[in-house]
Amino acid sequence: QVQLVESGGGLVQAGGSLRLSCAASGRTFSSDVMGWFRQAPGKEREFVAAISWSGRKTYYADSVKGRFTISRDNAKPTVYLQMNSLKPEDTAVYYCAAQTRFSGTYDTANDYDLWGQGTHVTVSS
């Protein structure tokens, strides 16, 4: 079964850190662009970060640039999102996603065709 499984969410105080993991299984993901998105209550799903298949190129939303870091280990295969200096506005369900067919872009949900179930992140003030 092809799937992405996120973990690492939880409750953290503002200024704290969390590391999210996304474990992939069922197919080879080493050639896929991988991304993280988030959806806060009452809001649309938004792009957070993406990483090229090699890991050499990374992309971030302006709201998380300098605080979040995306990385991947194709041997495992797992994608990570290190989140530092967390703010209450980072509270959301975070989703991992894969482009199993290259789209040429990376920052919209329609670019991705495989999604995880999400992990909750709550940042208290």
N, C-alpha and C. Protein backbone atom coordinates (compact mmCIF):
# COMPACT_ATOMS: atom_id res chain seq x y z
N GLN A 1 0.85 -1.19 0.00
CA GLN A 1 0.00 0.00 0.00
C GLN A 1 0.88 1.24 0.00
N VAL A 2 0.62 2.15 -0.94
CA VAL A 2 1.39 3.39 -1.03
C VAL A 2 0.83 4.36 0.00
N GLN A 3 1.71 4.86 0.87
CA GLN A 3 1.21 5.79 1.86
C GLN A 3 2.31 6.68 2.43
N LEU A 4 1.86 7.80 2.97
CA LEU A 4 2.70 8.73 3.71
C LEU A 4 2.12 8.83 5.12
N VAL A 5 2.98 8.71 6.12
CA VAL A 5 2.51 8.76 7.50
C VAL A 5 3.31 9.81 8.26
N GLU A 6 2.60 10.84 8.72
CA GLU A 6 3.25 11.92 9.47
C GLU A 6 3.27 11.59 10.96
N SER A 7 4.25 12.14 11.64
CA SER A 7 4.34 12.03 13.10
C SER A 7 5.12 13.22 13.62
N GLY A 8 5.07 13.40 14.95
CA GLY A 8 5.87 14.45 15.57
C GLY A 8 5.10 15.68 16.00
N GLY A 9 3.81 15.73 15.68
CA GLY A 9 3.03 16.87 16.11
C GLY A 9 2.78 16.85 17.60
N GLY A 10 2.23 17.96 18.12
CA GLY A 10 1.93 18.03 19.53
C GLY A 10 1.68 19.45 19.97
N LEU A 11 1.71 19.63 21.28
CA LEU A 11 1.50 20.94 21.90
C LEU A 11 2.84 21.50 22.35
N VAL A 12 3.10 22.75 21.99
CA VAL A 12 4.36 23.38 22.35
C VAL A 12 4.09 24.85 22.65
N GLN A 13 4.89 25.43 23.52
CA GLN A 13 4.75 26.85 23.83
C GLN A 13 5.39 27.70 22.73
N ALA A 14 4.90 28.91 22.60
CA ALA A 14 5.49 29.84 21.63
C ALA A 14 6.99 29.98 21.88
N GLY A 15 7.74 29.97 20.79
CA GLY A 15 9.19 30.02 20.89
C GLY A 15 9.85 28.66 20.90
N GLY A 16 9.05 27.62 21.06
CA GLY A 16 9.58 26.26 21.11
C GLY A 16 9.80 25.66 19.74
N SER A 17 10.17 24.38 19.74
CA SER A 17 10.49 23.68 18.50
C SER A 17 9.80 22.33 18.45
N LEU A 18 9.55 21.88 17.23
CA LEU A 18 9.06 20.53 16.97
C LEU A 18 9.70 20.05 15.67
N ARG A 19 9.86 18.72 15.56
CA ARG A 19 10.30 18.15 14.29
C ARG A 19 9.26 17.15 13.81
N LEU A 20 8.71 17.44 12.65
CA LEU A 20 7.75 16.53 12.04
C LEU A 20 8.49 15.56 11.12
N SER A 21 7.99 14.34 11.07
CA SER A 21 8.52 13.33 10.17
C SER A 21 7.41 12.82 9.27
N CYS A 22 7.80 12.42 8.06
CA CYS A 22 6.86 11.84 7.10
C CYS A 22 7.51 10.60 6.53
N ALA A 23 7.03 9.44 6.95
CA ALA A 23 7.58 8.17 6.49
C ALA A 23 6.80 7.70 5.26
N ALA A 24 7.54 7.39 4.20
CA ALA A 24 6.93 6.97 2.95
C ALA A 24 7.11 5.46 2.77
N SER A 25 6.10 4.84 2.18
CA SER A 25 6.20 3.40 1.94
C SER A 25 5.35 3.00 0.74
N GLY A 26 5.65 1.86 0.18
CA GLY A 26 4.82 1.31 -0.89
C GLY A 26 5.33 1.59 -2.29
N ARG A 27 6.25 2.52 -2.43
CA ARG A 27 6.81 2.82 -3.75
C ARG A 27 8.11 3.58 -3.54
N THR A 28 8.83 3.82 -4.61
CA THR A 28 10.06 4.60 -4.52
C THR A 28 9.73 6.08 -4.56
N PHE A 29 10.14 6.82 -3.53
CA PHE A 29 9.88 8.25 -3.45
C PHE A 29 11.12 9.08 -3.74
N SER A 30 12.22 8.42 -3.99
CA SER A 30 13.49 9.15 -4.10
C SER A 30 13.53 10.11 -5.28
N SER A 31 12.63 9.95 -6.26
CA SER A 31 12.61 10.86 -7.39
C SER A 31 11.47 11.88 -7.31
N ASP A 32 10.75 11.88 -6.21
CA ASP A 32 9.58 12.77 -6.06
C ASP A 32 9.94 14.06 -5.36
N VAL A 33 9.35 15.16 -5.82
CA VAL A 33 9.33 16.37 -5.01
C VAL A 33 8.40 16.11 -3.83
N MET A 34 8.84 16.50 -2.64
CA MET A 34 8.04 16.29 -1.44
C MET A 34 7.72 17.65 -0.83
N GLY A 35 6.54 17.76 -0.23
CA GLY A 35 6.15 19.04 0.33
C GLY A 35 5.44 18.90 1.66
N TRP A 36 5.40 19.99 2.38
CA TRP A 36 4.61 20.10 3.61
C TRP A 36 3.60 21.23 3.42
N PHE A 37 2.38 20.97 3.81
CA PHE A 37 1.31 21.96 3.80
C PHE A 37 0.69 22.00 5.19
N ARG A 38 -0.09 23.02 5.44
CA ARG A 38 -0.81 23.07 6.71
C ARG A 38 -2.19 23.69 6.50
N GLN A 39 -3.08 23.33 7.41
CA GLN A 39 -4.44 23.87 7.35
C GLN A 39 -4.91 24.19 8.75
N ALA A 40 -5.14 25.47 8.98
CA ALA A 40 -5.67 25.92 10.26
C ALA A 40 -7.20 25.87 10.21
N PRO A 41 -7.84 25.81 11.38
CA PRO A 41 -9.31 25.76 11.41
C PRO A 41 -9.93 26.93 10.67
N GLY A 42 -10.86 26.64 9.76
CA GLY A 42 -11.55 27.68 9.02
C GLY A 42 -10.75 28.30 7.90
N LYS A 43 -9.57 27.77 7.63
CA LYS A 43 -8.73 28.34 6.56
C LYS A 43 -8.42 27.28 5.51
N GLU A 44 -7.97 27.76 4.36
CA GLU A 44 -7.59 26.84 3.30
C GLU A 44 -6.21 26.25 3.58
N ARG A 45 -5.97 25.11 2.95
CA ARG A 45 -4.67 24.49 3.07
C ARG A 45 -3.63 25.38 2.39
N GLU A 46 -2.49 25.58 3.06
CA GLU A 46 -1.47 26.45 2.51
C GLU A 46 -0.11 25.77 2.46
N PHE A 47 0.67 26.19 1.50
CA PHE A 47 2.01 25.68 1.31
C PHE A 47 2.92 26.12 2.45
N VAL A 48 3.78 25.20 2.89
CA VAL A 48 4.76 25.51 3.93
C VAL A 48 6.18 25.39 3.37
N ALA A 49 6.51 24.22 2.82
CA ALA A 49 7.87 23.99 2.33
C ALA A 49 7.87 22.84 1.34
N ALA A 50 8.89 22.80 0.48
CA ALA A 50 9.06 21.71 -0.46
C ALA A 50 10.54 21.44 -0.66
N ILE A 51 10.84 20.22 -1.13
CA ILE A 51 12.23 19.83 -1.33
C ILE A 51 12.32 19.00 -2.60
N SER A 52 13.37 19.24 -3.38
CA SER A 52 13.57 18.49 -4.61
C SER A 52 13.95 17.05 -4.31
N TRP A 53 13.95 16.21 -5.34
CA TRP A 53 14.21 14.80 -5.13
C TRP A 53 15.60 14.58 -4.54
N SER A 54 16.57 15.42 -4.92
CA SER A 54 17.94 15.25 -4.44
C SER A 54 18.16 15.88 -3.08
N GLY A 55 17.27 16.76 -2.71
CA GLY A 55 17.44 17.50 -1.46
C GLY A 55 18.24 18.78 -1.62
N ARG A 56 18.75 19.03 -2.83
CA ARG A 56 19.62 20.20 -3.02
C ARG A 56 18.82 21.50 -3.09
N LYS A 57 17.55 21.41 -3.50
CA LYS A 57 16.74 22.61 -3.62
C LYS A 57 15.61 22.56 -2.61
N THR A 58 15.44 23.65 -1.88
CA THR A 58 14.35 23.76 -0.92
C THR A 58 13.60 25.07 -1.15
N TYR A 59 12.33 25.05 -0.80
CA TYR A 59 11.46 26.20 -1.02
C TYR A 59 10.61 26.39 0.22
N TYR A 60 10.35 27.65 0.57
CA TYR A 60 9.61 27.95 1.79
C TYR A 60 8.59 29.06 1.56
N ALA A 61 7.49 28.96 2.28
CA ALA A 61 6.57 30.08 2.35
C ALA A 61 7.25 31.21 3.12
N ASP A 62 6.91 32.44 2.77
CA ASP A 62 7.53 33.58 3.45
C ASP A 62 7.27 33.55 4.95
N SER A 63 6.13 33.03 5.35
CA SER A 63 5.74 33.04 6.76
C SER A 63 6.60 32.13 7.62
N VAL A 64 7.31 31.18 7.01
CA VAL A 64 8.12 30.25 7.80
C VAL A 64 9.61 30.34 7.47
N LYS A 65 9.95 31.13 6.48
CA LYS A 65 11.35 31.24 6.05
C LYS A 65 12.22 31.70 7.21
N GLY A 66 13.33 31.01 7.43
CA GLY A 66 14.24 31.34 8.52
C GLY A 66 13.90 30.65 9.83
N ARG A 67 12.72 30.05 9.91
CA ARG A 67 12.32 29.34 11.13
C ARG A 67 12.17 27.83 10.90
N PHE A 68 11.71 27.45 9.72
CA PHE A 68 11.48 26.05 9.40
C PHE A 68 12.55 25.56 8.43
N THR A 69 12.88 24.26 8.54
CA THR A 69 13.83 23.64 7.63
C THR A 69 13.29 22.29 7.18
N ILE A 70 13.22 22.10 5.87
CA ILE A 70 12.79 20.82 5.31
C ILE A 70 14.01 20.03 4.88
N SER A 71 13.97 18.73 5.10
CA SER A 71 15.07 17.87 4.68
C SER A 71 14.52 16.49 4.36
N ARG A 72 15.36 15.65 3.76
CA ARG A 72 14.89 14.31 3.43
C ARG A 72 16.03 13.32 3.52
N ASP A 73 15.66 12.09 3.79
CA ASP A 73 16.60 10.98 3.79
C ASP A 73 16.00 9.92 2.87
N ASN A 74 16.48 9.84 1.65
CA ASN A 74 15.89 8.93 0.67
C ASN A 74 16.18 7.46 1.00
N ALA A 75 17.13 7.21 1.85
CA ALA A 75 17.44 5.83 2.22
C ALA A 75 16.39 5.25 3.15
N LYS A 76 15.66 6.10 3.87
CA LYS A 76 14.74 5.58 4.89
C LYS A 76 13.38 5.12 4.38
N PRO A 77 12.68 5.76 3.48
CA PRO A 77 12.72 7.17 3.06
C PRO A 77 11.79 8.01 3.93
N THR A 78 12.28 9.14 4.34
CA THR A 78 11.55 10.01 5.26
C THR A 78 11.86 11.47 4.92
N VAL A 79 10.83 12.31 5.07
CA VAL A 79 10.99 13.74 4.93
C VAL A 79 10.74 14.38 6.30
N TYR A 80 11.50 15.40 6.61
CA TYR A 80 11.41 16.04 7.91
C TYR A 80 11.05 17.52 7.76
N LEU A 81 10.43 18.06 8.79
CA LEU A 81 10.20 19.49 8.87
C LEU A 81 10.60 19.93 10.28
N GLN A 82 11.74 20.57 10.39
CA GLN A 82 12.19 21.12 11.67
C GLN A 82 11.58 22.50 11.83
N MET A 83 10.84 22.68 12.90
CA MET A 83 10.13 23.94 13.12
C MET A 83 10.67 24.58 14.40
N ASN A 84 11.28 25.73 14.26
CA ASN A 84 11.84 26.48 15.39
C ASN A 84 11.11 27.81 15.56
N SER A 85 11.28 28.42 16.70
CA SER A 85 10.66 29.72 16.99
C SER A 85 9.18 29.71 16.64
N LEU A 86 8.50 28.70 17.09
CA LEU A 86 7.09 28.54 16.74
C LEU A 86 6.23 29.66 17.31
N LYS A 87 5.20 30.01 16.55
CA LYS A 87 4.28 31.07 16.92
C LYS A 87 2.87 30.50 17.00
N PRO A 88 1.98 31.13 17.75
CA PRO A 88 0.59 30.65 17.81
C PRO A 88 -0.05 30.54 16.43
N GLU A 89 0.33 31.39 15.50
CA GLU A 89 -0.25 31.34 14.15
C GLU A 89 0.26 30.14 13.34
N ASP A 90 1.21 29.39 13.87
CA ASP A 90 1.65 28.15 13.21
C ASP A 90 0.73 26.98 13.56
N THR A 91 -0.20 27.19 14.46
CA THR A 91 -1.13 26.14 14.85
C THR A 91 -1.96 25.69 13.65
N ALA A 92 -1.91 24.38 13.37
CA ALA A 92 -2.61 23.84 12.20
C ALA A 92 -2.42 22.33 12.18
N VAL A 93 -3.13 21.69 11.26
CA VAL A 93 -2.83 20.31 10.91
C VAL A 93 -1.81 20.37 9.78
N TYR A 94 -0.71 19.66 9.95
CA TYR A 94 0.37 19.65 8.96
C TYR A 94 0.30 18.36 8.15
N TYR A 95 0.37 18.53 6.83
CA TYR A 95 0.27 17.40 5.91
C TYR A 95 1.55 17.27 5.09
N CYS A 96 1.96 16.04 4.91
CA CYS A 96 3.04 15.71 4.00
C CYS A 96 2.44 15.32 2.66
N ALA A 97 3.14 15.65 1.56
CA ALA A 97 2.60 15.34 0.24
C ALA A 97 3.73 15.00 -0.72
N ALA A 98 3.39 14.19 -1.73
CA ALA A 98 4.37 13.77 -2.73
C ALA A 98 3.86 14.08 -4.13
N GLN A 99 4.77 14.54 -4.99
CA GLN A 99 4.48 14.67 -6.42
C GLN A 99 4.95 13.39 -7.08
N THR A 100 4.05 12.43 -7.25
CA THR A 100 4.46 11.19 -7.92
C THR A 100 4.61 11.41 -9.42
N ARG A 101 4.01 12.48 -9.94
CA ARG A 101 4.21 12.90 -11.33
C ARG A 101 4.67 14.35 -11.30
N PHE A 102 5.84 14.62 -11.84
CA PHE A 102 6.43 15.95 -11.77
C PHE A 102 5.52 16.98 -12.40
N SER A 103 5.25 18.08 -11.66
CA SER A 103 4.34 19.10 -12.18
C SER A 103 5.06 20.35 -12.65
N GLY A 104 6.27 20.56 -12.21
CA GLY A 104 7.01 21.75 -12.59
C GLY A 104 6.89 22.88 -11.59
N THR A 105 5.90 22.80 -10.73
CA THR A 105 5.76 23.77 -9.65
C THR A 105 5.60 23.01 -8.35
N TYR A 106 5.58 23.72 -7.25
CA TYR A 106 5.67 23.03 -5.95
C TYR A 106 4.85 23.65 -4.85
N ASP A 107 4.22 24.79 -5.08
CA ASP A 107 3.66 25.53 -3.96
C ASP A 107 2.13 25.58 -3.91
N THR A 108 1.48 24.72 -4.67
CA THR A 108 0.03 24.61 -4.55
C THR A 108 -0.34 23.15 -4.32
N ALA A 109 -1.47 22.95 -3.65
CA ALA A 109 -1.89 21.60 -3.33
C ALA A 109 -2.11 20.75 -4.58
N ASN A 110 -2.54 21.38 -5.67
CA ASN A 110 -2.78 20.63 -6.90
C ASN A 110 -1.52 20.07 -7.53
N ASP A 111 -0.36 20.53 -7.08
CA ASP A 111 0.91 19.99 -7.59
C ASP A 111 1.18 18.59 -7.06
N TYR A 112 0.47 18.18 -6.02
CA TYR A 112 0.76 16.93 -5.32
C TYR A 112 -0.41 15.96 -5.44
N ASP A 113 -0.10 14.68 -5.56
CA ASP A 113 -1.17 13.71 -5.77
C ASP A 113 -1.19 12.59 -4.74
N LEU A 114 -0.32 12.67 -3.75
CA LEU A 114 -0.35 11.68 -2.66
C LEU A 114 -0.18 12.45 -1.36
N TRP A 115 -1.08 12.18 -0.40
CA TRP A 115 -1.11 12.94 0.85
C TRP A 115 -1.13 12.00 2.05
N GLY A 116 -0.53 12.49 3.14
CA GLY A 116 -0.65 11.81 4.42
C GLY A 116 -1.93 12.21 5.13
N GLN A 117 -2.13 11.65 6.31
CA GLN A 117 -3.36 11.88 7.05
C GLN A 117 -3.28 13.15 7.90
N GLY A 118 -2.10 13.69 8.10
CA GLY A 118 -1.93 14.92 8.86
C GLY A 118 -1.54 14.68 10.30
N THR A 119 -0.87 15.65 10.87
CA THR A 119 -0.50 15.62 12.29
C THR A 119 -0.76 17.01 12.86
N HIS A 120 -1.33 17.04 14.07
CA HIS A 120 -1.74 18.30 14.67
C HIS A 120 -0.57 18.98 15.37
N VAL A 121 -0.45 20.28 15.14
CA VAL A 121 0.53 21.11 15.84
C VAL A 121 -0.24 22.25 16.50
N THR A 122 -0.07 22.38 17.81
CA THR A 122 -0.71 23.46 18.56
C THR A 122 0.36 24.25 19.29
N VAL A 123 0.39 25.55 19.04
CA VAL A 123 1.37 26.42 19.68
C VAL A 123 0.62 27.36 20.61
N SER A 124 0.91 27.26 21.89
CA SER A 124 0.23 28.09 22.88
C SER A 124 1.02 29.38 23.12
N SER A 125 0.29 30.43 23.45
CA SER A 125 0.94 31.74 23.68
C SER A 125 1.33 31.91 25.12
